[in-house]
N, C-alpha and C. Protein backbone atom coordinates (compact mmCIF):
# COMPACT_ATOMS: atom_id res chain seq x y z
N MET A 1 0.84 -1.20 0.00
CA MET A 1 0.00 0.00 0.00
C MET A 1 0.88 1.25 0.00
N SER A 2 0.32 2.33 -0.50
CA SER A 2 1.03 3.60 -0.44
C SER A 2 1.05 4.10 1.02
N PRO A 3 1.97 4.99 1.35
CA PRO A 3 1.99 5.53 2.73
C PRO A 3 0.67 6.17 3.13
N TYR A 4 0.03 6.88 2.19
CA TYR A 4 -1.25 7.52 2.51
C TYR A 4 -2.34 6.48 2.74
N GLY A 5 -2.37 5.42 1.90
CA GLY A 5 -3.35 4.37 2.09
C GLY A 5 -3.16 3.63 3.39
N ALA A 6 -1.90 3.37 3.76
CA ALA A 6 -1.62 2.69 5.02
C ALA A 6 -2.05 3.54 6.21
N LYS A 7 -1.82 4.85 6.12
CA LYS A 7 -2.23 5.75 7.21
C LYS A 7 -3.74 5.74 7.36
N LEU A 8 -4.45 5.79 6.24
CA LEU A 8 -5.91 5.77 6.28
C LEU A 8 -6.43 4.46 6.86
N LEU A 9 -5.82 3.34 6.47
CA LEU A 9 -6.24 2.05 6.99
C LEU A 9 -6.02 1.95 8.49
N ARG A 10 -4.87 2.47 8.98
CA ARG A 10 -4.61 2.45 10.43
C ARG A 10 -5.67 3.24 11.19
N CYS A 11 -6.05 4.39 10.64
CA CYS A 11 -7.07 5.22 11.30
C CYS A 11 -8.43 4.51 11.32
N GLN A 12 -8.76 3.82 10.22
CA GLN A 12 -10.03 3.10 10.18
C GLN A 12 -10.06 1.96 11.19
N VAL A 13 -8.96 1.21 11.27
CA VAL A 13 -8.89 0.09 12.22
C VAL A 13 -8.93 0.62 13.65
N ALA A 14 -8.19 1.72 13.90
CA ALA A 14 -8.18 2.29 15.25
C ALA A 14 -9.57 2.77 15.64
N GLY A 15 -10.31 3.34 14.69
CA GLY A 15 -11.66 3.79 14.98
C GLY A 15 -12.57 2.64 15.36
N GLU A 16 -12.47 1.51 14.65
CA GLU A 16 -13.28 0.33 14.98
C GLU A 16 -12.91 -0.22 16.36
N ILE A 17 -11.61 -0.21 16.68
CA ILE A 17 -11.18 -0.71 17.99
C ILE A 17 -11.73 0.16 19.11
N CYS A 18 -11.67 1.49 18.93
CA CYS A 18 -12.19 2.39 19.95
C CYS A 18 -13.71 2.23 20.10
N ARG A 19 -14.41 2.00 18.98
CA ARG A 19 -15.86 1.81 19.05
C ARG A 19 -16.20 0.55 19.84
N LEU A 20 -15.48 -0.55 19.56
CA LEU A 20 -15.73 -1.80 20.27
C LEU A 20 -15.27 -1.71 21.72
N GLY A 21 -14.24 -0.87 21.99
CA GLY A 21 -13.76 -0.73 23.35
C GLY A 21 -14.75 -0.09 24.28
N LYS A 22 -15.73 0.65 23.74
CA LYS A 22 -16.75 1.28 24.58
C LYS A 22 -17.85 0.30 24.97
N GLU A 23 -17.88 -0.86 24.32
CA GLU A 23 -18.88 -1.87 24.62
C GLU A 23 -18.28 -2.95 25.51
N ALA A 24 -19.14 -3.73 26.09
CA ALA A 24 -18.67 -4.85 26.92
C ALA A 24 -18.10 -5.91 25.99
N GLY A 25 -16.80 -6.14 26.09
CA GLY A 25 -16.19 -7.10 25.18
C GLY A 25 -14.82 -7.51 25.68
N THR A 26 -14.00 -7.96 24.77
CA THR A 26 -12.68 -8.48 25.14
C THR A 26 -11.57 -7.80 24.36
N VAL A 27 -11.70 -6.47 24.16
CA VAL A 27 -10.64 -5.74 23.46
C VAL A 27 -9.43 -5.61 24.39
N PRO A 28 -8.27 -6.13 24.03
CA PRO A 28 -7.09 -6.04 24.89
C PRO A 28 -6.73 -4.58 25.21
N ALA A 29 -6.29 -4.33 26.43
CA ALA A 29 -5.98 -2.97 26.87
C ALA A 29 -4.85 -2.37 26.04
N GLY A 30 -3.85 -3.18 25.71
CA GLY A 30 -2.74 -2.67 24.92
C GLY A 30 -3.18 -2.24 23.53
N LEU A 31 -4.08 -3.03 22.92
CA LEU A 31 -4.59 -2.67 21.60
C LEU A 31 -5.43 -1.41 21.65
N LEU A 32 -6.20 -1.26 22.73
CA LEU A 32 -7.02 -0.06 22.88
C LEU A 32 -6.14 1.18 23.07
N ARG A 33 -5.06 1.04 23.83
CA ARG A 33 -4.14 2.18 24.00
C ARG A 33 -3.51 2.57 22.66
N TRP A 34 -3.16 1.57 21.85
CA TRP A 34 -2.60 1.87 20.52
C TRP A 34 -3.60 2.65 19.68
N ALA A 35 -4.86 2.20 19.67
CA ALA A 35 -5.88 2.86 18.86
C ALA A 35 -6.10 4.29 19.33
N GLU A 36 -6.11 4.51 20.63
CA GLU A 36 -6.31 5.86 21.15
C GLU A 36 -5.14 6.77 20.80
N SER A 37 -3.92 6.18 20.77
CA SER A 37 -2.77 7.00 20.41
C SER A 37 -2.81 7.40 18.94
N VAL A 38 -3.34 6.53 18.07
CA VAL A 38 -3.46 6.85 16.66
C VAL A 38 -4.47 7.96 16.43
N LEU A 39 -5.57 7.91 17.19
CA LEU A 39 -6.65 8.88 16.99
C LEU A 39 -6.57 10.06 17.94
N ARG A 40 -5.49 10.16 18.70
CA ARG A 40 -5.37 11.25 19.66
C ARG A 40 -5.46 12.59 18.94
N ALA A 41 -6.18 13.52 19.56
CA ALA A 41 -6.39 14.83 18.94
C ALA A 41 -5.05 15.52 18.70
N ARG A 42 -4.92 16.12 17.54
CA ARG A 42 -3.72 16.85 17.18
C ARG A 42 -4.01 18.35 17.13
N VAL A 43 -2.95 19.10 17.16
CA VAL A 43 -3.11 20.54 17.04
C VAL A 43 -3.61 20.87 15.63
N ASP A 44 -4.61 21.73 15.55
CA ASP A 44 -5.18 22.11 14.26
C ASP A 44 -4.16 22.96 13.52
N TRP A 45 -3.61 22.43 12.41
CA TRP A 45 -2.58 23.16 11.69
C TRP A 45 -3.11 24.44 11.08
N ARG A 46 -4.42 24.49 10.80
CA ARG A 46 -4.99 25.70 10.22
C ARG A 46 -4.89 26.86 11.21
N ARG A 47 -5.15 26.59 12.47
CA ARG A 47 -5.04 27.64 13.48
C ARG A 47 -3.59 28.06 13.67
N VAL A 48 -2.68 27.08 13.63
CA VAL A 48 -1.26 27.40 13.79
C VAL A 48 -0.77 28.24 12.61
N LEU A 49 -1.17 27.85 11.40
CA LEU A 49 -0.75 28.60 10.21
C LEU A 49 -1.32 30.01 10.25
N ALA A 50 -2.59 30.13 10.64
CA ALA A 50 -3.19 31.47 10.72
C ALA A 50 -2.48 32.33 11.76
N ALA A 51 -2.12 31.72 12.89
CA ALA A 51 -1.43 32.48 13.93
C ALA A 51 -0.06 32.95 13.48
N GLU A 52 0.67 32.08 12.77
CA GLU A 52 2.00 32.46 12.29
C GLU A 52 1.91 33.57 11.25
N LEU A 53 0.93 33.46 10.34
CA LEU A 53 0.77 34.49 9.32
C LEU A 53 0.37 35.82 9.95
N ARG A 54 -0.55 35.77 10.89
CA ARG A 54 -0.98 37.01 11.53
C ARG A 54 0.17 37.64 12.31
N ARG A 55 0.98 36.81 12.96
CA ARG A 55 2.09 37.37 13.72
C ARG A 55 3.12 38.01 12.79
N GLY A 56 3.42 37.34 11.67
CA GLY A 56 4.37 37.93 10.73
C GLY A 56 3.85 39.22 10.12
N ILE A 57 2.56 39.22 9.77
CA ILE A 57 1.98 40.42 9.16
C ILE A 57 1.92 41.56 10.16
N SER A 58 1.55 41.26 11.41
CA SER A 58 1.47 42.32 12.41
C SER A 58 2.84 42.88 12.73
N ASP A 59 3.88 42.03 12.74
CA ASP A 59 5.23 42.52 12.98
C ASP A 59 5.65 43.51 11.91
N VAL A 60 5.31 43.20 10.66
CA VAL A 60 5.71 44.08 9.56
C VAL A 60 4.87 45.35 9.55
N SER A 61 3.55 45.20 9.69
CA SER A 61 2.68 46.37 9.63
C SER A 61 2.86 47.27 10.83
N GLY A 62 3.44 46.74 11.92
CA GLY A 62 3.68 47.57 13.08
C GLY A 62 4.87 48.48 12.92
N CYS A 63 5.66 48.29 11.88
CA CYS A 63 6.83 49.15 11.64
C CYS A 63 6.37 50.42 10.93
N VAL A 64 5.96 51.42 11.70
CA VAL A 64 5.44 52.65 11.12
C VAL A 64 6.58 53.48 10.55
N ASP A 65 6.23 54.33 9.59
CA ASP A 65 7.21 55.18 8.94
C ASP A 65 6.56 56.53 8.66
N TYR A 66 7.40 57.53 8.40
CA TYR A 66 6.89 58.86 8.10
C TYR A 66 6.61 58.99 6.61
N SER A 67 5.55 59.72 6.28
CA SER A 67 5.18 59.92 4.89
C SER A 67 4.59 61.31 4.71
N TYR A 68 4.91 61.92 3.54
CA TYR A 68 4.36 63.23 3.20
C TYR A 68 3.07 63.10 2.38
N ARG A 69 2.60 61.88 2.16
CA ARG A 69 1.36 61.71 1.40
C ARG A 69 0.19 62.36 2.13
N ARG A 70 0.23 62.28 3.45
CA ARG A 70 -0.80 62.92 4.27
C ARG A 70 -0.09 63.75 5.32
N PRO A 71 -0.07 65.09 5.18
CA PRO A 71 0.65 65.93 6.14
C PRO A 71 0.12 65.77 7.55
N SER A 72 1.00 65.98 8.50
CA SER A 72 0.62 65.87 9.90
C SER A 72 -0.31 67.02 10.29
N ARG A 73 -1.24 66.75 11.21
CA ARG A 73 -2.14 67.79 11.70
C ARG A 73 -1.40 68.84 12.52
N ARG A 74 -0.19 68.50 12.98
CA ARG A 74 0.59 69.45 13.75
C ARG A 74 1.23 70.53 12.87
N SER A 75 1.13 70.39 11.54
CA SER A 75 1.71 71.39 10.64
C SER A 75 1.10 72.77 10.86
N ARG A 76 -0.15 72.81 11.32
CA ARG A 76 -0.82 74.09 11.52
C ARG A 76 -0.13 74.92 12.60
N SER A 77 0.52 74.25 13.53
CA SER A 77 1.12 74.97 14.66
C SER A 77 2.52 75.47 14.38
N VAL A 78 3.10 75.12 13.22
CA VAL A 78 4.48 75.53 12.91
C VAL A 78 4.54 76.40 11.66
N GLY A 79 3.45 77.01 11.30
CA GLY A 79 3.48 77.94 10.18
C GLY A 79 3.49 77.24 8.83
N ARG A 80 4.47 77.64 8.00
CA ARG A 80 4.51 77.15 6.61
C ARG A 80 5.30 75.86 6.46
N VAL A 81 5.77 75.29 7.56
CA VAL A 81 6.53 74.03 7.50
C VAL A 81 5.55 72.85 7.41
N ILE A 82 5.79 72.00 6.45
CA ILE A 82 4.94 70.81 6.28
C ILE A 82 5.61 69.64 6.99
N LEU A 83 4.92 69.05 7.94
CA LEU A 83 5.44 67.92 8.70
C LEU A 83 4.84 66.61 8.16
N PRO A 84 5.64 65.55 8.09
CA PRO A 84 5.09 64.26 7.65
C PRO A 84 4.26 63.61 8.75
N ALA A 85 3.38 62.73 8.33
CA ALA A 85 2.55 61.98 9.27
C ALA A 85 3.05 60.55 9.35
N LEU A 86 2.80 59.92 10.51
CA LEU A 86 3.13 58.52 10.65
C LEU A 86 2.10 57.68 9.91
N ARG A 87 2.56 56.65 9.26
CA ARG A 87 1.66 55.76 8.53
C ARG A 87 2.00 54.32 8.88
N ARG A 88 1.00 53.47 8.81
CA ARG A 88 1.18 52.04 9.03
C ARG A 88 0.85 51.32 7.73
N PRO A 89 1.86 50.93 6.96
CA PRO A 89 1.59 50.34 5.65
C PRO A 89 0.99 48.94 5.76
N VAL A 90 0.18 48.59 4.76
CA VAL A 90 -0.31 47.21 4.65
C VAL A 90 0.81 46.38 4.03
N PRO A 91 1.30 45.34 4.72
CA PRO A 91 2.47 44.62 4.23
C PRO A 91 2.18 43.82 2.96
N GLU A 92 3.19 43.73 2.12
CA GLU A 92 3.12 42.88 0.95
C GLU A 92 3.36 41.42 1.36
N VAL A 93 2.64 40.51 0.72
CA VAL A 93 2.78 39.08 1.00
C VAL A 93 3.04 38.35 -0.31
N ALA A 94 4.04 37.47 -0.31
CA ALA A 94 4.34 36.63 -1.47
C ALA A 94 4.22 35.17 -1.07
N VAL A 95 3.69 34.34 -1.96
CA VAL A 95 3.52 32.91 -1.72
C VAL A 95 4.34 32.15 -2.75
N VAL A 96 5.29 31.33 -2.26
CA VAL A 96 6.12 30.51 -3.13
C VAL A 96 5.58 29.08 -3.09
N CYS A 97 5.14 28.56 -4.22
CA CYS A 97 4.55 27.23 -4.29
C CYS A 97 5.56 26.25 -4.87
N ASP A 98 5.81 25.18 -4.15
CA ASP A 98 6.68 24.11 -4.63
C ASP A 98 5.90 23.29 -5.66
N THR A 99 6.30 23.40 -6.92
CA THR A 99 5.61 22.67 -8.00
C THR A 99 6.49 21.56 -8.56
N SER A 100 7.39 21.04 -7.73
CA SER A 100 8.25 19.94 -8.18
C SER A 100 7.43 18.67 -8.31
N SER A 101 8.06 17.63 -8.83
CA SER A 101 7.35 16.38 -9.12
C SER A 101 6.84 15.68 -7.87
N SER A 102 7.40 15.99 -6.69
CA SER A 102 6.96 15.33 -5.46
C SER A 102 5.71 15.94 -4.86
N MET A 103 5.28 17.08 -5.38
CA MET A 103 4.09 17.75 -4.87
C MET A 103 2.91 17.45 -5.80
N THR A 104 1.77 17.12 -5.20
CA THR A 104 0.58 16.85 -6.00
C THR A 104 -0.26 18.12 -6.12
N ASP A 105 -1.06 18.18 -7.17
CA ASP A 105 -1.94 19.33 -7.36
C ASP A 105 -2.97 19.44 -6.24
N ASP A 106 -3.45 18.28 -5.74
CA ASP A 106 -4.44 18.31 -4.66
C ASP A 106 -3.85 18.93 -3.40
N GLN A 107 -2.61 18.57 -3.08
CA GLN A 107 -1.97 19.15 -1.90
C GLN A 107 -1.86 20.67 -2.01
N LEU A 108 -1.36 21.12 -3.15
CA LEU A 108 -1.18 22.56 -3.34
C LEU A 108 -2.51 23.30 -3.36
N ALA A 109 -3.51 22.71 -4.00
CA ALA A 109 -4.81 23.38 -4.10
C ALA A 109 -5.43 23.57 -2.73
N GLU A 110 -5.36 22.55 -1.87
CA GLU A 110 -5.99 22.67 -0.56
C GLU A 110 -5.24 23.65 0.33
N VAL A 111 -3.92 23.58 0.31
CA VAL A 111 -3.15 24.49 1.15
C VAL A 111 -3.30 25.93 0.66
N LEU A 112 -3.30 26.12 -0.65
CA LEU A 112 -3.50 27.47 -1.19
C LEU A 112 -4.86 28.04 -0.77
N ALA A 113 -5.87 27.18 -0.74
CA ALA A 113 -7.19 27.64 -0.31
C ALA A 113 -7.16 28.10 1.14
N GLU A 114 -6.41 27.39 1.99
CA GLU A 114 -6.31 27.78 3.39
C GLU A 114 -5.57 29.11 3.53
N VAL A 115 -4.46 29.25 2.81
CA VAL A 115 -3.71 30.51 2.86
C VAL A 115 -4.57 31.66 2.34
N ASP A 116 -5.34 31.38 1.30
CA ASP A 116 -6.23 32.40 0.74
C ASP A 116 -7.22 32.88 1.80
N GLY A 117 -7.78 31.94 2.56
CA GLY A 117 -8.72 32.32 3.60
C GLY A 117 -8.08 33.14 4.71
N VAL A 118 -6.86 32.78 5.09
CA VAL A 118 -6.16 33.52 6.14
C VAL A 118 -5.86 34.94 5.68
N LEU A 119 -5.35 35.09 4.47
CA LEU A 119 -5.02 36.41 3.96
C LEU A 119 -6.26 37.28 3.83
N ARG A 120 -7.37 36.66 3.47
CA ARG A 120 -8.62 37.42 3.38
C ARG A 120 -9.06 37.89 4.76
N SER A 121 -8.89 37.04 5.77
CA SER A 121 -9.34 37.40 7.11
C SER A 121 -8.51 38.51 7.73
N VAL A 122 -7.23 38.63 7.35
CA VAL A 122 -6.39 39.68 7.92
C VAL A 122 -6.36 40.93 7.05
N GLY A 123 -7.13 40.95 5.95
CA GLY A 123 -7.26 42.15 5.15
C GLY A 123 -6.12 42.41 4.20
N VAL A 124 -5.35 41.39 3.82
CA VAL A 124 -4.23 41.57 2.92
C VAL A 124 -4.61 41.22 1.49
N ARG A 125 -5.48 40.24 1.32
CA ARG A 125 -5.76 39.71 -0.02
C ARG A 125 -6.40 40.73 -0.94
N SER A 126 -7.09 41.76 -0.38
CA SER A 126 -7.79 42.73 -1.21
C SER A 126 -6.86 43.47 -2.17
N GLN A 127 -5.59 43.64 -1.77
CA GLN A 127 -4.64 44.34 -2.63
C GLN A 127 -3.88 43.39 -3.55
N GLY A 128 -4.15 42.10 -3.45
CA GLY A 128 -3.47 41.12 -4.28
C GLY A 128 -2.25 40.54 -3.61
N VAL A 129 -1.92 39.33 -3.97
CA VAL A 129 -0.78 38.60 -3.40
C VAL A 129 0.04 38.04 -4.55
N GLY A 130 1.36 38.20 -4.47
CA GLY A 130 2.23 37.65 -5.48
C GLY A 130 2.45 36.16 -5.26
N VAL A 131 2.17 35.34 -6.26
CA VAL A 131 2.32 33.89 -6.17
C VAL A 131 3.37 33.44 -7.18
N LEU A 132 4.37 32.68 -6.71
CA LEU A 132 5.45 32.20 -7.57
C LEU A 132 5.38 30.68 -7.67
N SER A 133 5.38 30.16 -8.88
CA SER A 133 5.49 28.72 -9.11
C SER A 133 6.96 28.38 -9.27
N CYS A 134 7.45 27.48 -8.43
CA CYS A 134 8.89 27.22 -8.41
C CYS A 134 9.16 25.74 -8.16
N ASP A 135 9.99 25.13 -9.03
CA ASP A 135 10.53 23.81 -8.72
C ASP A 135 12.04 23.98 -8.52
N ALA A 136 12.85 23.74 -9.53
CA ALA A 136 14.27 24.04 -9.42
C ALA A 136 14.56 25.51 -9.76
N ALA A 137 13.58 26.15 -10.41
CA ALA A 137 13.68 27.56 -10.77
C ALA A 137 12.27 28.13 -10.79
N VAL A 138 12.18 29.44 -10.75
CA VAL A 138 10.89 30.11 -10.78
C VAL A 138 10.36 30.14 -12.22
N HIS A 139 9.12 29.66 -12.41
CA HIS A 139 8.53 29.60 -13.75
C HIS A 139 7.54 30.73 -13.98
N THR A 140 6.68 30.99 -13.01
CA THR A 140 5.68 32.04 -13.18
C THR A 140 5.61 32.89 -11.92
N VAL A 141 5.35 34.17 -12.12
CA VAL A 141 5.10 35.11 -11.03
C VAL A 141 3.83 35.86 -11.40
N LYS A 142 2.82 35.74 -10.56
CA LYS A 142 1.53 36.33 -10.89
C LYS A 142 0.90 36.94 -9.65
N ARG A 143 0.36 38.13 -9.79
CA ARG A 143 -0.34 38.77 -8.69
C ARG A 143 -1.81 38.39 -8.77
N VAL A 144 -2.33 37.82 -7.70
CA VAL A 144 -3.69 37.30 -7.72
C VAL A 144 -4.45 37.84 -6.52
N SER A 145 -5.77 37.79 -6.63
CA SER A 145 -6.64 38.16 -5.52
C SER A 145 -7.47 36.98 -5.04
N SER A 146 -7.23 35.80 -5.63
CA SER A 146 -7.95 34.59 -5.24
C SER A 146 -7.10 33.39 -5.60
N ALA A 147 -7.22 32.32 -4.83
CA ALA A 147 -6.47 31.10 -5.10
C ALA A 147 -6.85 30.49 -6.44
N ARG A 148 -8.04 30.78 -6.92
CA ARG A 148 -8.49 30.23 -8.22
C ARG A 148 -7.70 30.81 -9.38
N GLN A 149 -7.04 31.93 -9.19
CA GLN A 149 -6.30 32.57 -10.28
C GLN A 149 -4.86 32.07 -10.38
N VAL A 150 -4.44 31.20 -9.47
CA VAL A 150 -3.06 30.75 -9.43
C VAL A 150 -2.78 29.76 -10.55
N GLU A 151 -1.66 29.93 -11.22
CA GLU A 151 -1.20 28.99 -12.25
C GLU A 151 0.02 28.26 -11.72
N LEU A 152 -0.09 26.94 -11.57
CA LEU A 152 1.00 26.13 -11.04
C LEU A 152 1.73 25.45 -12.18
N VAL A 153 2.99 25.85 -12.39
CA VAL A 153 3.79 25.34 -13.50
C VAL A 153 5.08 24.77 -12.94
N GLY A 154 5.47 23.59 -13.39
CA GLY A 154 6.71 22.99 -12.93
C GLY A 154 6.70 21.49 -13.14
N GLY A 155 7.32 20.76 -12.22
CA GLY A 155 7.36 19.31 -12.32
C GLY A 155 8.76 18.75 -12.35
N GLY A 156 9.77 19.58 -12.09
CA GLY A 156 11.15 19.10 -12.11
C GLY A 156 11.71 18.93 -10.70
N GLY A 157 12.97 19.36 -10.51
CA GLY A 157 13.61 19.27 -9.21
C GLY A 157 13.06 20.32 -8.26
N THR A 158 13.75 20.51 -7.12
CA THR A 158 13.24 21.40 -6.09
C THR A 158 14.34 22.32 -5.60
N ASN A 159 14.06 23.61 -5.54
CA ASN A 159 14.98 24.58 -4.95
C ASN A 159 14.18 25.80 -4.51
N MET A 160 13.68 25.74 -3.27
CA MET A 160 12.88 26.85 -2.76
C MET A 160 13.73 28.08 -2.46
N ALA A 161 15.05 27.89 -2.36
CA ALA A 161 15.93 29.05 -2.16
C ALA A 161 15.80 30.02 -3.34
N ALA A 162 15.67 29.47 -4.55
CA ALA A 162 15.51 30.32 -5.73
C ALA A 162 14.19 31.08 -5.68
N GLY A 163 13.14 30.42 -5.21
CA GLY A 163 11.85 31.08 -5.11
C GLY A 163 11.85 32.19 -4.07
N ILE A 164 12.47 31.93 -2.91
CA ILE A 164 12.53 32.95 -1.87
C ILE A 164 13.36 34.14 -2.33
N GLU A 165 14.48 33.86 -3.00
CA GLU A 165 15.34 34.94 -3.48
C GLU A 165 14.60 35.84 -4.47
N GLU A 166 13.86 35.24 -5.39
CA GLU A 166 13.14 36.06 -6.36
C GLU A 166 11.98 36.80 -5.70
N ALA A 167 11.36 36.18 -4.70
CA ALA A 167 10.23 36.83 -4.02
C ALA A 167 10.68 38.10 -3.31
N VAL A 168 11.82 38.04 -2.62
CA VAL A 168 12.27 39.20 -1.85
C VAL A 168 12.83 40.30 -2.75
N GLN A 169 13.11 39.99 -4.01
CA GLN A 169 13.60 41.00 -4.94
C GLN A 169 12.47 41.73 -5.65
N ALA A 170 11.24 41.31 -5.41
CA ALA A 170 10.10 41.95 -6.07
C ALA A 170 9.93 43.37 -5.55
N ARG A 171 9.29 44.19 -6.36
CA ARG A 171 8.96 45.55 -5.98
C ARG A 171 7.46 45.77 -6.15
N PRO A 172 6.77 46.14 -5.08
CA PRO A 172 7.28 46.41 -3.75
C PRO A 172 7.76 45.15 -3.03
N ARG A 173 8.74 45.31 -2.17
CA ARG A 173 9.35 44.18 -1.46
C ARG A 173 8.36 43.61 -0.44
N PRO A 174 8.16 42.28 -0.44
CA PRO A 174 7.23 41.70 0.53
C PRO A 174 7.79 41.71 1.94
N GLY A 175 6.90 41.84 2.89
CA GLY A 175 7.31 41.74 4.29
C GLY A 175 7.17 40.33 4.82
N VAL A 176 6.29 39.53 4.17
CA VAL A 176 6.07 38.14 4.58
C VAL A 176 6.12 37.26 3.34
N VAL A 177 6.88 36.18 3.40
CA VAL A 177 6.95 35.19 2.32
C VAL A 177 6.45 33.86 2.87
N VAL A 178 5.42 33.30 2.23
CA VAL A 178 4.87 32.00 2.62
C VAL A 178 5.37 30.97 1.61
N VAL A 179 5.98 29.90 2.10
CA VAL A 179 6.51 28.83 1.24
C VAL A 179 5.70 27.56 1.50
N LEU A 180 5.12 27.00 0.46
CA LEU A 180 4.36 25.75 0.56
C LEU A 180 5.16 24.65 -0.12
N THR A 181 5.65 23.68 0.66
CA THR A 181 6.58 22.68 0.13
C THR A 181 6.52 21.41 0.96
N ASP A 182 7.10 20.33 0.41
CA ASP A 182 7.22 19.10 1.18
C ASP A 182 8.52 19.08 1.98
N GLY A 183 9.32 20.12 1.86
CA GLY A 183 10.53 20.25 2.68
C GLY A 183 11.79 19.68 2.08
N TYR A 184 11.67 18.90 1.00
CA TYR A 184 12.86 18.30 0.38
C TYR A 184 13.47 19.29 -0.60
N THR A 185 14.18 20.25 -0.08
CA THR A 185 14.67 21.36 -0.89
C THR A 185 15.86 22.02 -0.21
N PRO A 186 16.77 22.60 -0.98
CA PRO A 186 17.78 23.47 -0.38
C PRO A 186 17.12 24.76 0.12
N TRP A 187 17.71 25.33 1.17
CA TRP A 187 17.23 26.58 1.72
C TRP A 187 18.32 27.64 1.63
N PRO A 188 17.96 28.92 1.67
CA PRO A 188 19.00 29.95 1.72
C PRO A 188 19.90 29.75 2.94
N SER A 189 21.16 30.16 2.83
CA SER A 189 22.11 29.97 3.93
C SER A 189 21.75 30.80 5.15
N GLU A 190 21.01 31.89 4.96
CA GLU A 190 20.60 32.72 6.07
C GLU A 190 19.25 33.36 5.76
N ALA A 191 18.62 33.87 6.79
CA ALA A 191 17.30 34.47 6.62
C ALA A 191 17.40 35.75 5.81
N PRO A 192 16.46 35.98 4.88
CA PRO A 192 16.45 37.26 4.15
C PRO A 192 16.19 38.41 5.11
N LYS A 193 16.90 39.50 4.95
CA LYS A 193 16.80 40.62 5.88
C LYS A 193 15.45 41.33 5.72
N GLY A 194 14.84 41.58 6.86
CA GLY A 194 13.59 42.33 6.86
C GLY A 194 12.39 41.58 6.35
N VAL A 195 12.48 40.27 6.21
CA VAL A 195 11.38 39.48 5.68
C VAL A 195 11.08 38.32 6.63
N HIS A 196 9.82 38.11 6.94
CA HIS A 196 9.40 36.96 7.75
C HIS A 196 9.03 35.81 6.80
N VAL A 197 9.59 34.65 7.04
CA VAL A 197 9.35 33.49 6.19
C VAL A 197 8.53 32.47 6.98
N VAL A 198 7.36 32.12 6.46
CA VAL A 198 6.49 31.11 7.05
C VAL A 198 6.42 29.94 6.08
N VAL A 199 6.72 28.73 6.55
CA VAL A 199 6.77 27.54 5.70
C VAL A 199 5.65 26.58 6.09
N GLY A 200 4.81 26.22 5.13
CA GLY A 200 3.82 25.18 5.32
C GLY A 200 4.34 23.87 4.76
N LEU A 201 4.61 22.90 5.65
CA LEU A 201 5.21 21.63 5.26
C LEU A 201 4.13 20.60 5.00
N VAL A 202 4.09 20.08 3.78
CA VAL A 202 3.10 19.10 3.37
C VAL A 202 3.75 17.73 3.29
N GLY A 203 3.03 16.69 3.71
CA GLY A 203 3.56 15.33 3.60
C GLY A 203 3.62 14.64 4.95
N LEU A 204 3.97 13.35 4.92
CA LEU A 204 3.96 12.55 6.14
C LEU A 204 5.15 12.83 7.04
N ALA A 205 6.33 12.96 6.48
CA ALA A 205 7.54 13.15 7.30
C ALA A 205 8.47 14.14 6.64
N PRO A 206 8.10 15.42 6.58
CA PRO A 206 8.96 16.41 5.93
C PRO A 206 10.22 16.67 6.75
N PRO A 207 11.34 16.96 6.11
CA PRO A 207 12.56 17.30 6.84
C PRO A 207 12.39 18.61 7.60
N THR A 208 13.22 18.79 8.61
CA THR A 208 13.16 20.00 9.42
C THR A 208 13.81 21.15 8.68
N PRO A 209 13.12 22.28 8.52
CA PRO A 209 13.70 23.43 7.82
C PRO A 209 14.66 24.19 8.73
N PRO A 210 15.33 25.21 8.23
CA PRO A 210 16.25 25.98 9.06
C PRO A 210 15.54 26.61 10.25
N PRO A 211 16.27 26.91 11.32
CA PRO A 211 15.64 27.47 12.53
C PRO A 211 15.10 28.88 12.35
N TRP A 212 15.49 29.59 11.29
CA TRP A 212 15.03 30.97 11.13
C TRP A 212 13.68 31.08 10.45
N VAL A 213 13.09 29.97 10.03
CA VAL A 213 11.76 30.03 9.45
C VAL A 213 10.73 29.63 10.49
N ARG A 214 9.49 30.05 10.26
CA ARG A 214 8.37 29.63 11.10
C ARG A 214 7.64 28.50 10.39
N ALA A 215 7.87 27.29 10.85
CA ALA A 215 7.39 26.10 10.15
C ALA A 215 6.08 25.62 10.76
N VAL A 216 5.16 25.18 9.88
CA VAL A 216 3.89 24.62 10.29
C VAL A 216 3.71 23.30 9.57
N ARG A 217 3.51 22.21 10.33
CA ARG A 217 3.28 20.89 9.75
C ARG A 217 1.85 20.78 9.28
N ILE A 218 1.65 20.58 7.98
CA ILE A 218 0.33 20.39 7.41
C ILE A 218 0.20 18.90 7.15
N ASP A 219 -0.27 18.16 8.15
CA ASP A 219 -0.15 16.71 8.10
C ASP A 219 -1.44 15.99 7.78
N ASP A 220 -2.49 16.72 7.35
CA ASP A 220 -3.73 16.01 7.01
C ASP A 220 -4.18 16.31 5.59
N VAL A 221 -3.28 16.81 4.76
CA VAL A 221 -3.61 17.06 3.35
C VAL A 221 -3.12 15.89 2.53
């Protein structure tokens, strides 16, 4: 059986064992403990991913700067001198999608839908999000306002370092980069300056990414 099929079968068997364990019967205690461990509640990765994205976005948007687009109200008290006002910019967000041969379209579609919902809830998606299709190199870069507009192109090797590098070179420069991958990829040698990187790891046993990223295990896609 495939790893996914075996995992599904284990969950089905564990569910039957737990159901029979609630009735008067002869289910061995050790077998019941195994079934409960398989079905033990896990942390909802959607909440973790949303929390990481919100934290990264709030960190960036909290970096206020001065701007002359809207003069300060205090200008009236200093005569003809125009004073800048503080502004809180809406951060740019880029999404790097691993489109290598090890990633399935179903995995990417579901995770993209979740990211789309999170960005909509925090008020970022209205201005559009840059989405990059990347396997060993970046193939497409497209600004979208919905996950349905994303074009996933690739199918070769994997190098998310190339995707992150191109994402941070975009103008305007993103404050948050979301990487959706199975983790089998080279990473940049160090964190990009001034950019928060959030990684959504898809698959049964993804490798551990570098310590400077905020990693979220997406283990039910």
